[in-house]
Amino acid sequence: MAIAIAAVSAADRKTQDWRDYGGGPDNSKFSPLKQIDKSNVSKLQVAWTYPYGETLFNPIVVRGVVYARGRNGALIAMDIDPVTQRWLF
């Protein structure tokens, strides 16, 4: 699992969350962030990875915390900046 993280302003804070599976109730995989567009998408780099992430699970990001599935079906919560594990269940 690899997740690219973009810095957002305080005004855009509410739009950086990924609270629903697939990014929205319609599973559109859409995020309204404005820092990434056609002119700079090719310059994106992986910010960090979690080596035990489940690739068939869509992480959810709320208020800077990534909730995802880890090794052996475990659920994990990680802070984004700096990357630290909050809990594992």
PDB file of N, CA and C in Angstrom:
ATOM      1  N   MET A   1       0.865  -1.165   0.000  1.00  0.00           N
ATOM      2  CA  MET A   1       0.000   0.000   0.000  1.00  0.00           C
ATOM      3  C   MET A   1       0.909   1.223   0.000  1.00  0.00           C
ATOM      4  N   ALA A   2       0.691   2.138  -0.885  1.00  0.00           N
ATOM      5  CA  ALA A   2       1.435   3.380  -0.918  1.00  0.00           C
ATOM      6  C   ALA A   2       0.439   4.521  -0.946  1.00  0.00           C
ATOM      7  N   ILE A   3       0.703   5.544  -0.151  1.00  0.00           N
ATOM      8  CA  ILE A   3      -0.213   6.673  -0.074  1.00  0.00           C
ATOM      9  C   ILE A   3       0.596   7.941  -0.277  1.00  0.00           C
ATOM     10  N   ALA A   4       0.200   8.761  -1.230  1.00  0.00           N
ATOM     11  CA  ALA A   4       0.845  10.049  -1.436  1.00  0.00           C
ATOM     12  C   ALA A   4       0.072  11.081  -0.633  1.00  0.00           C
ATOM     13  N   ILE A   5       0.777  11.882   0.130  1.00  0.00           N
ATOM     14  CA  ILE A   5       0.156  12.875   0.983  1.00  0.00           C
ATOM     15  C   ILE A   5       0.497  14.266   0.457  1.00  0.00           C
ATOM     16  N   ALA A   6      -0.498  15.111   0.289  1.00  0.00           N
ATOM     17  CA  ALA A   6      -0.298  16.484  -0.167  1.00  0.00           C
ATOM     18  C   ALA A   6      -0.603  17.432   0.983  1.00  0.00           C
ATOM     19  N   ALA A   7       0.194  18.471   1.119  1.00  0.00           N
ATOM     20  CA  ALA A   7      -0.071  19.485   2.139  1.00  0.00           C
ATOM     21  C   ALA A   7      -1.268  20.317   1.706  1.00  0.00           C
ATOM     22  N   VAL A   8      -2.147  20.623   2.650  1.00  0.00           N
ATOM     23  CA  VAL A   8      -3.326  21.423   2.332  1.00  0.00           C
ATOM     24  C   VAL A   8      -3.451  22.571   3.314  1.00  0.00           C
ATOM     25  N   SER A   9      -4.082  23.625   2.870  1.00  0.00           N
ATOM     26  CA  SER A   9      -4.285  24.772   3.738  1.00  0.00           C
ATOM     27  C   SER A   9      -5.389  24.484   4.739  1.00  0.00           C
ATOM     28  N   ALA A  10      -5.493  25.296   5.765  1.00  0.00           N
ATOM     29  CA  ALA A  10      -6.540  25.123   6.775  1.00  0.00           C
ATOM     30  C   ALA A  10      -7.920  25.226   6.143  1.00  0.00           C
ATOM     31  N   ALA A  11      -8.065  26.068   5.124  1.00  0.00           N
ATOM     32  CA  ALA A  11      -9.352  26.226   4.454  1.00  0.00           C
ATOM     33  C   ALA A  11      -9.762  24.952   3.726  1.00  0.00           C
ATOM     34  N   ASP A  12      -8.781  24.179   3.268  1.00  0.00           N
ATOM     35  CA  ASP A  12      -9.067  22.944   2.557  1.00  0.00           C
ATOM     36  C   ASP A  12      -9.101  21.731   3.486  1.00  0.00           C
ATOM     37  N   ARG A  13      -8.945  21.943   4.792  1.00  0.00           N
ATOM     38  CA  ARG A  13      -8.874  20.847   5.763  1.00  0.00           C
ATOM     39  C   ARG A  13     -10.059  19.896   5.647  1.00  0.00           C
ATOM     40  N   LYS A  14     -11.264  20.420   5.503  1.00  0.00           N
ATOM     41  CA  LYS A  14     -12.441  19.550   5.456  1.00  0.00           C
ATOM     42  C   LYS A  14     -12.496  18.722   4.191  1.00  0.00           C
ATOM     43  N   THR A  15     -11.809  19.131   3.118  1.00  0.00           N
ATOM     44  CA  THR A  15     -11.849  18.373   1.873  1.00  0.00           C
ATOM     45  C   THR A  15     -10.740  17.341   1.772  1.00  0.00           C
ATOM     46  N   GLN A  16      -9.817  17.289   2.726  1.00  0.00           N
ATOM     47  CA  GLN A  16      -8.728  16.315   2.626  1.00  0.00           C
ATOM     48  C   GLN A  16      -9.096  14.969   3.224  1.00  0.00           C
ATOM     49  N   ASP A  17     -10.171  14.879   3.958  1.00  0.00           N
ATOM     50  CA  ASP A  17     -10.579  13.610   4.540  1.00  0.00           C
ATOM     51  C   ASP A  17     -11.121  12.676   3.465  1.00  0.00           C
ATOM     52  N   TRP A  18     -10.941  11.410   3.684  1.00  0.00           N
ATOM     53  CA  TRP A  18     -11.432  10.360   2.788  1.00  0.00           C
ATOM     54  C   TRP A  18     -12.263   9.463   3.687  1.00  0.00           C
ATOM     55  N   ARG A  19     -13.473   9.927   4.054  1.00  0.00           N
ATOM     56  CA  ARG A  19     -14.287   9.305   5.094  1.00  0.00           C
ATOM     57  C   ARG A  19     -15.095   8.099   4.638  1.00  0.00           C
ATOM     58  N   ASP A  20     -15.284   7.933   3.349  1.00  0.00           N
ATOM     59  CA  ASP A  20     -16.104   6.841   2.836  1.00  0.00           C
ATOM     60  C   ASP A  20     -15.269   5.910   1.981  1.00  0.00           C
ATOM     61  N   TYR A  21     -15.679   4.645   1.923  1.00  0.00           N
ATOM     62  CA  TYR A  21     -14.996   3.691   1.062  1.00  0.00           C
ATOM     63  C   TYR A  21     -15.016   4.202  -0.369  1.00  0.00           C
ATOM     64  N   GLY A  22     -13.870   4.239  -1.000  1.00  0.00           N
ATOM     65  CA  GLY A  22     -13.792   4.713  -2.379  1.00  0.00           C
ATOM     66  C   GLY A  22     -13.855   6.226  -2.507  1.00  0.00           C
ATOM     67  N   GLY A  23     -13.781   6.961  -1.396  1.00  0.00           N
ATOM     68  CA  GLY A  23     -13.738   8.413  -1.454  1.00  0.00           C
ATOM     69  C   GLY A  23     -15.074   9.109  -1.393  1.00  0.00           C
ATOM     70  N   GLY A  24     -16.165   8.397  -1.426  1.00  0.00           N
ATOM     71  CA  GLY A  24     -17.484   9.020  -1.346  1.00  0.00           C
ATOM     72  C   GLY A  24     -18.570   7.974  -1.348  1.00  0.00           C
ATOM     73  N   PRO A  25     -19.775   8.385  -0.998  1.00  0.00           N
ATOM     74  CA  PRO A  25     -20.883   7.426  -0.956  1.00  0.00           C
ATOM     75  C   PRO A  25     -21.136   6.730  -2.291  1.00  0.00           C
ATOM     76  N   ASP A  26     -20.749   7.376  -3.390  1.00  0.00           N
ATOM     77  CA  ASP A  26     -20.948   6.779  -4.711  1.00  0.00           C
ATOM     78  C   ASP A  26     -19.726   5.980  -5.173  1.00  0.00           C
ATOM     79  N   ASN A  27     -18.695   5.862  -4.305  1.00  0.00           N
ATOM     80  CA  ASN A  27     -17.470   5.115  -4.615  1.00  0.00           C
ATOM     81  C   ASN A  27     -16.770   5.672  -5.856  1.00  0.00           C
ATOM     82  N   SER A  28     -16.767   7.010  -6.000  1.00  0.00           N
ATOM     83  CA  SER A  28     -16.211   7.645  -7.193  1.00  0.00           C
ATOM     84  C   SER A  28     -14.693   7.781  -7.172  1.00  0.00           C
ATOM     85  N   LYS A  29     -14.069   7.526  -6.017  1.00  0.00           N
ATOM     86  CA  LYS A  29     -12.613   7.679  -5.850  1.00  0.00           C
ATOM     87  C   LYS A  29     -12.167   9.104  -6.185  1.00  0.00           C
ATOM     88  N   PHE A  30     -12.991  10.065  -5.846  1.00  0.00           N
ATOM     89  CA  PHE A  30     -12.734  11.474  -6.130  1.00  0.00           C
ATOM     90  C   PHE A  30     -12.365  12.219  -4.854  1.00  0.00           C
ATOM     91  N   SER A  31     -11.407  13.104  -4.954  1.00  0.00           N
ATOM     92  CA  SER A  31     -11.046  13.998  -3.869  1.00  0.00           C
ATOM     93  C   SER A  31     -10.944  15.401  -4.458  1.00  0.00           C
ATOM     94  N   PRO A  32     -11.552  16.399  -3.825  1.00  0.00           N
ATOM     95  CA  PRO A  32     -11.565  17.746  -4.394  1.00  0.00           C
ATOM     96  C   PRO A  32     -10.288  18.553  -4.139  1.00  0.00           C
ATOM     97  N   LEU A  33      -9.182  17.918  -3.781  1.00  0.00           N
ATOM     98  CA  LEU A  33      -7.946  18.661  -3.544  1.00  0.00           C
ATOM     99  C   LEU A  33      -7.525  19.410  -4.799  1.00  0.00           C
ATOM    100  N   LYS A  34      -6.994  20.608  -4.611  1.00  0.00           N
ATOM    101  CA  LYS A  34      -6.671  21.460  -5.752  1.00  0.00           C
ATOM    102  C   LYS A  34      -5.175  21.548  -6.041  1.00  0.00           C
ATOM    103  N   GLN A  35      -4.329  20.998  -5.171  1.00  0.00           N
ATOM    104  CA  GLN A  35      -2.890  21.110  -5.388  1.00  0.00           C
ATOM    105  C   GLN A  35      -2.384  20.187  -6.496  1.00  0.00           C
ATOM    106  N   ILE A  36      -3.111  19.148  -6.814  1.00  0.00           N
ATOM    107  CA  ILE A  36      -2.689  18.196  -7.831  1.00  0.00           C
ATOM    108  C   ILE A  36      -3.577  18.380  -9.061  1.00  0.00           C
ATOM    109  N   ASP A  37      -2.933  18.605 -10.201  1.00  0.00           N
ATOM    110  CA  ASP A  37      -3.675  18.758 -11.450  1.00  0.00           C
ATOM    111  C   ASP A  37      -2.861  18.154 -12.595  1.00  0.00           C
ATOM    112  N   LYS A  38      -3.330  18.292 -13.816  1.00  0.00           N
ATOM    113  CA  LYS A  38      -2.657  17.690 -14.973  1.00  0.00           C
ATOM    114  C   LYS A  38      -1.227  18.194 -15.148  1.00  0.00           C
ATOM    115  N   SER A  39      -0.956  19.417 -14.714  1.00  0.00           N
ATOM    116  CA  SER A  39       0.379  19.974 -14.932  1.00  0.00           C
ATOM    117  C   SER A  39       1.431  19.432 -13.968  1.00  0.00           C
ATOM    118  N   ASN A  40       1.019  18.876 -12.826  1.00  0.00           N
ATOM    119  CA  ASN A  40       2.021  18.416 -11.871  1.00  0.00           C
ATOM    120  C   ASN A  40       1.846  16.961 -11.411  1.00  0.00           C
ATOM    121  N   VAL A  41       0.838  16.265 -11.911  1.00  0.00           N
ATOM    122  CA  VAL A  41       0.594  14.893 -11.458  1.00  0.00           C
ATOM    123  C   VAL A  41       1.775  13.976 -11.778  1.00  0.00           C
ATOM    124  N   SER A  42       2.485  14.229 -12.852  1.00  0.00           N
ATOM    125  CA  SER A  42       3.627  13.386 -13.217  1.00  0.00           C
ATOM    126  C   SER A  42       4.804  13.554 -12.259  1.00  0.00           C
ATOM    127  N   LYS A  43       4.778  14.593 -11.438  1.00  0.00           N
ATOM    128  CA  LYS A  43       5.866  14.853 -10.492  1.00  0.00           C
ATOM    129  C   LYS A  43       5.611  14.255  -9.109  1.00  0.00           C
ATOM    130  N   LEU A  44       4.460  13.621  -8.908  1.00  0.00           N
ATOM    131  CA  LEU A  44       4.151  13.033  -7.609  1.00  0.00           C
ATOM    132  C   LEU A  44       5.125  11.920  -7.262  1.00  0.00           C
ATOM    133  N   GLN A  45       5.458  11.832  -5.989  1.00  0.00           N
ATOM    134  CA  GLN A  45       6.311  10.770  -5.491  1.00  0.00           C
ATOM    135  C   GLN A  45       5.641  10.149  -4.277  1.00  0.00           C
ATOM    136  N   VAL A  46       5.967   8.905  -3.991  1.00  0.00           N
ATOM    137  CA  VAL A  46       5.427   8.241  -2.821  1.00  0.00           C
ATOM    138  C   VAL A  46       5.987   8.933  -1.585  1.00  0.00           C
ATOM    139  N   ALA A  47       5.088   9.369  -0.687  1.00  0.00           N
ATOM    140  CA  ALA A  47       5.503  10.058   0.530  1.00  0.00           C
ATOM    141  C   ALA A  47       5.923   9.052   1.607  1.00  0.00           C
ATOM    142  N   TRP A  48       5.188   7.973   1.699  1.00  0.00           N
ATOM    143  CA  TRP A  48       5.523   6.903   2.637  1.00  0.00           C
ATOM    144  C   TRP A  48       4.714   5.667   2.306  1.00  0.00           C
ATOM    145  N   THR A  49       5.143   4.540   2.837  1.00  0.00           N
ATOM    146  CA  THR A  49       4.416   3.292   2.626  1.00  0.00           C
ATOM    147  C   THR A  49       4.286   2.553   3.949  1.00  0.00           C
ATOM    148  N   TYR A  50       3.340   1.660   3.992  1.00  0.00           N
ATOM    149  CA  TYR A  50       3.174   0.769   5.137  1.00  0.00           C
ATOM    150  C   TYR A  50       3.381  -0.640   4.593  1.00  0.00           C
ATOM    151  N   PRO A  51       4.478  -1.310   4.968  1.00  0.00           N
ATOM    152  CA  PRO A  51       4.853  -2.566   4.315  1.00  0.00           C
ATOM    153  C   PRO A  51       3.870  -3.713   4.503  1.00  0.00           C
ATOM    154  N   TYR A  52       3.004  -3.639   5.514  1.00  0.00           N
ATOM    155  CA  TYR A  52       2.097  -4.755   5.782  1.00  0.00           C
ATOM    156  C   TYR A  52       0.663  -4.432   5.385  1.00  0.00           C
ATOM    157  N   GLY A  53       0.475  -3.434   4.573  1.00  0.00           N
ATOM    158  CA  GLY A  53      -0.869  -3.013   4.187  1.00  0.00           C
ATOM    159  C   GLY A  53      -1.570  -4.021   3.297  1.00  0.00           C
ATOM    160  N   GLU A  54      -2.870  -4.096   3.440  1.00  0.00           N
ATOM    161  CA  GLU A  54      -3.715  -4.972   2.623  1.00  0.00           C
ATOM    162  C   GLU A  54      -4.106  -4.206   1.376  1.00  0.00           C
ATOM    163  N   THR A  55      -3.716  -4.693   0.211  1.00  0.00           N
ATOM    164  CA  THR A  55      -3.957  -3.957  -1.027  1.00  0.00           C
ATOM    165  C   THR A  55      -5.409  -4.002  -1.485  1.00  0.00           C
ATOM    166  N   LEU A  56      -6.207  -4.915  -0.965  1.00  0.00           N
ATOM    167  CA  LEU A  56      -7.605  -4.989  -1.365  1.00  0.00           C
ATOM    168  C   LEU A  56      -8.505  -4.184  -0.435  1.00  0.00           C
ATOM    169  N   PHE A  57      -7.905  -3.371   0.393  1.00  0.00           N
ATOM    170  CA  PHE A  57      -8.644  -2.578   1.373  1.00  0.00           C
ATOM    171  C   PHE A  57      -8.388  -1.109   1.091  1.00  0.00           C
ATOM    172  N   ASN A  58      -9.436  -0.312   1.039  1.00  0.00           N
ATOM    173  CA  ASN A  58      -9.303   1.118   0.793  1.00  0.00           C
ATOM    174  C   ASN A  58      -9.096   1.849   2.118  1.00  0.00           C
ATOM    175  N   PRO A  59      -7.916   2.462   2.329  1.00  0.00           N
ATOM    176  CA  PRO A  59      -7.709   3.210   3.574  1.00  0.00           C
ATOM    177  C   PRO A  59      -8.685   4.374   3.671  1.00  0.00           C
ATOM    178  N   ILE A  60      -8.992   4.762   4.889  1.00  0.00           N
ATOM    179  CA  ILE A  60      -9.839   5.917   5.150  1.00  0.00           C
ATOM    180  C   ILE A  60      -8.985   6.913   5.921  1.00  0.00           C
ATOM    181  N   VAL A  61      -9.024   8.189   5.531  1.00  0.00           N
ATOM    182  CA  VAL A  61      -8.241   9.237   6.191  1.00  0.00           C
ATOM    183  C   VAL A  61      -9.203  10.246   6.793  1.00  0.00           C
ATOM    184  N   VAL A  62      -9.093  10.455   8.110  1.00  0.00           N
ATOM    185  CA  VAL A  62      -9.925  11.427   8.809  1.00  0.00           C
ATOM    186  C   VAL A  62      -9.039  12.213   9.761  1.00  0.00           C
ATOM    187  N   ARG A  63      -9.026  13.539   9.591  1.00  0.00           N
ATOM    188  CA  ARG A  63      -8.261  14.447  10.453  1.00  0.00           C
ATOM    189  C   ARG A  63      -6.805  14.024  10.622  1.00  0.00           C
ATOM    190  N   GLY A  64      -6.175  13.655   9.525  1.00  0.00           N
ATOM    191  CA  GLY A  64      -4.760  13.312   9.552  1.00  0.00           C
ATOM    192  C   GLY A  64      -4.441  11.923  10.067  1.00  0.00           C
ATOM    193  N   VAL A  65      -5.454  11.089  10.269  1.00  0.00           N
ATOM    194  CA  VAL A  65      -5.233   9.722  10.734  1.00  0.00           C
ATOM    195  C   VAL A  65      -5.685   8.758   9.642  1.00  0.00           C
ATOM    196  N   VAL A  66      -4.797   7.827   9.266  1.00  0.00           N
ATOM    197  CA  VAL A  66      -5.114   6.803   8.284  1.00  0.00           C
ATOM    198  C   VAL A  66      -5.609   5.565   9.027  1.00  0.00           C
ATOM    199  N   TYR A  67      -6.792   5.102   8.653  1.00  0.00           N
ATOM    200  CA  TYR A  67      -7.337   3.852   9.197  1.00  0.00           C
ATOM    201  C   TYR A  67      -7.268   2.839   8.058  1.00  0.00           C
ATOM    202  N   ALA A  68      -6.566   1.729   8.276  1.00  0.00           N
ATOM    203  CA  ALA A  68      -6.340   0.776   7.202  1.00  0.00           C
ATOM    204  C   ALA A  68      -6.301  -0.649   7.756  1.00  0.00           C
ATOM    205  N   ARG A  69      -6.149  -1.570   6.845  1.00  0.00           N
ATOM    206  CA  ARG A  69      -6.034  -2.972   7.214  1.00  0.00           C
ATOM    207  C   ARG A  69      -4.577  -3.375   7.099  1.00  0.00           C
ATOM    208  N   GLY A  70      -4.073  -4.034   8.109  1.00  0.00           N
ATOM    209  CA  GLY A  70      -2.669  -4.442   8.135  1.00  0.00           C
ATOM    210  C   GLY A  70      -2.496  -5.935   7.988  1.00  0.00           C
ATOM    211  N   ARG A  71      -1.368  -6.395   8.444  1.00  0.00           N
ATOM    212  CA  ARG A  71      -1.001  -7.805   8.347  1.00  0.00           C
ATOM    213  C   ARG A  71      -2.001  -8.702   9.064  1.00  0.00           C
ATOM    214  N   ASN A  72      -2.317  -9.843   8.475  1.00  0.00           N
ATOM    215  CA  ASN A  72      -3.221 -10.843   9.050  1.00  0.00           C
ATOM    216  C   ASN A  72      -4.598 -10.284   9.389  1.00  0.00           C
ATOM    217  N   GLY A  73      -5.066  -9.300   8.624  1.00  0.00           N
ATOM    218  CA  GLY A  73      -6.401  -8.759   8.834  1.00  0.00           C
ATOM    219  C   GLY A  73      -6.513  -7.765   9.974  1.00  0.00           C
ATOM    220  N   ALA A  74      -5.399  -7.365  10.559  1.00  0.00           N
ATOM    221  CA  ALA A  74      -5.433  -6.398  11.657  1.00  0.00           C
ATOM    222  C   ALA A  74      -5.909  -5.038  11.159  1.00  0.00           C
ATOM    223  N   LEU A  75      -6.536  -4.275  12.025  1.00  0.00           N
ATOM    224  CA  LEU A  75      -6.903  -2.894  11.722  1.00  0.00           C
ATOM    225  C   LEU A  75      -5.873  -2.000  12.387  1.00  0.00           C
ATOM    226  N   ILE A  76      -5.454  -0.957  11.667  1.00  0.00           N
ATOM    227  CA  ILE A  76      -4.439  -0.057  12.190  1.00  0.00           C
ATOM    228  C   ILE A  76      -4.894   1.386  12.046  1.00  0.00           C
ATOM    229  N   ALA A  77      -4.364   2.224  12.913  1.00  0.00           N
ATOM    230  CA  ALA A  77      -4.550   3.671  12.810  1.00  0.00           C
ATOM    231  C   ALA A  77      -3.155   4.282  12.855  1.00  0.00           C
ATOM    232  N   MET A  78      -2.855   5.151  11.882  1.00  0.00           N
ATOM    233  CA  MET A  78      -1.545   5.779  11.803  1.00  0.00           C
ATOM    234  C   MET A  78      -1.692   7.277  11.616  1.00  0.00           C
ATOM    235  N   ASP A  79      -0.849   8.036  12.317  1.00  0.00           N
ATOM    236  CA  ASP A  79      -0.763   9.469  12.066  1.00  0.00           C
ATOM    237  C   ASP A  79      -0.006   9.659  10.763  1.00  0.00           C
ATOM    238  N   ILE A  80      -0.378  10.696  10.022  1.00  0.00           N
ATOM    239  CA  ILE A  80       0.255  10.951   8.730  1.00  0.00           C
ATOM    240  C   ILE A  80       1.578  11.690   8.882  1.00  0.00           C
ATOM    241  N   ASP A  81       1.633  12.692   9.734  1.00  0.00           N
ATOM    242  CA  ASP A  81       2.828  13.522   9.819  1.00  0.00           C
ATOM    243  C   ASP A  81       3.173  13.821  11.261  1.00  0.00           C
ATOM    244  N   PRO A  82       4.213  13.246  11.809  1.00  0.00           N
ATOM    245  CA  PRO A  82       5.056  12.211  11.211  1.00  0.00           C
ATOM    246  C   PRO A  82       4.344  10.869  11.241  1.00  0.00           C
ATOM    247  N   VAL A  83       4.761   9.952  10.383  1.00  0.00           N
ATOM    248  CA  VAL A  83       4.116   8.642  10.295  1.00  0.00           C
ATOM    249  C   VAL A  83       4.426   7.840  11.554  1.00  0.00           C
ATOM    250  N   THR A  84       3.381   7.630  12.354  1.00  0.00           N
ATOM    251  CA  THR A  84       3.506   6.834  13.573  1.00  0.00           C
ATOM    252  C   THR A  84       2.229   6.018  13.747  1.00  0.00           C
ATOM    253  N   GLN A  85       2.402   4.814  14.241  1.00  0.00           N
ATOM    254  CA  GLN A  85       1.241   3.955  14.473  1.00  0.00           C
ATOM    255  C   GLN A  85       0.572   4.355  15.778  1.00  0.00           C
ATOM    256  N   ARG A  86      -0.729   4.614  15.753  1.00  0.00           N
ATOM    257  CA  ARG A  86      -1.493   4.943  16.958  1.00  0.00           C
ATOM    258  C   ARG A  86      -1.924   3.681  17.677  1.00  0.00           C
ATOM    259  N   TRP A  87      -2.532   2.770  16.908  1.00  0.00           N
ATOM    260  CA  TRP A  87      -2.959   1.514  17.512  1.00  0.00           C
ATOM    261  C   TRP A  87      -3.065   0.442  16.445  1.00  0.00           C
ATOM    262  N   LEU A  88      -3.106  -0.806  16.914  1.00  0.00           N
ATOM    263  CA  LEU A  88      -3.226  -1.987  16.064  1.00  0.00           C
ATOM    264  C   LEU A  88      -4.197  -2.920  16.761  1.00  0.00           C
ATOM    265  N   PHE A  89      -5.184  -3.411  16.041  1.00  0.00           N
ATOM    266  CA  PHE A  89      -6.165  -4.323  16.648  1.00  0.00           C
ATOM    267  C   PHE A  89      -6.373  -5.515  15.742  1.00  0.00           C
TER     268      PHE A  89
END
